[in-house]
Amino acid sequence: MGRRSTKTTKTGKFMNPTDQWRKEQRRKELKKNKKQRNAVREAVLRMKDPIVILKEIEEIETAESEAIAAATDSLPLPNEKGLLEKKRKLHSNLDRIIKYWQKEDPKKAHDVKQLILDSENKKRETTQLHDSYREARVSQTK
């Protein structure tokens, strides 16, 4: 969709010069606002700490694994959708932080990626530990 001329309306009629001027001013204002919004988004990303976000993700995953371990039947987890949505948002924030730091400081982006990999390795180890406990409990009950 291309940009429509400021001299005509949607139907193709020519506009009043005052309306043309207003339309052009509105377009300039929107362009300026877009730059401001992007600057604010970058400032917010710069202030976010990936370590805190990773800790929040770990807390959510711990709560999920504890709820799964405590559940004996196939009932849905309490507030499962809320936890999944929050975890998804935290992961998307991490992705945006990585993209921002790749533009600004690639070394810091690499450090953030390394933190994420360490967190995933830790998660994998705890999952294996929980699985082994669960298998041991099942084998003892038989």
Foldseek 3Di string as FASTA:
>chain_A
DDDDQLQADPVGHGDDVVSSVVVVVVVVVVVVVVVVVVVVVLVVLVPDDLVVLLVVLVVLVVVVLVQVLPDDDPDDGVCVVVSVVSNVVSVVSLVVSLVSCVVVPPVVSVVSVVVVVVSVVVVVVVVVVSVVVVVVVVVVVD
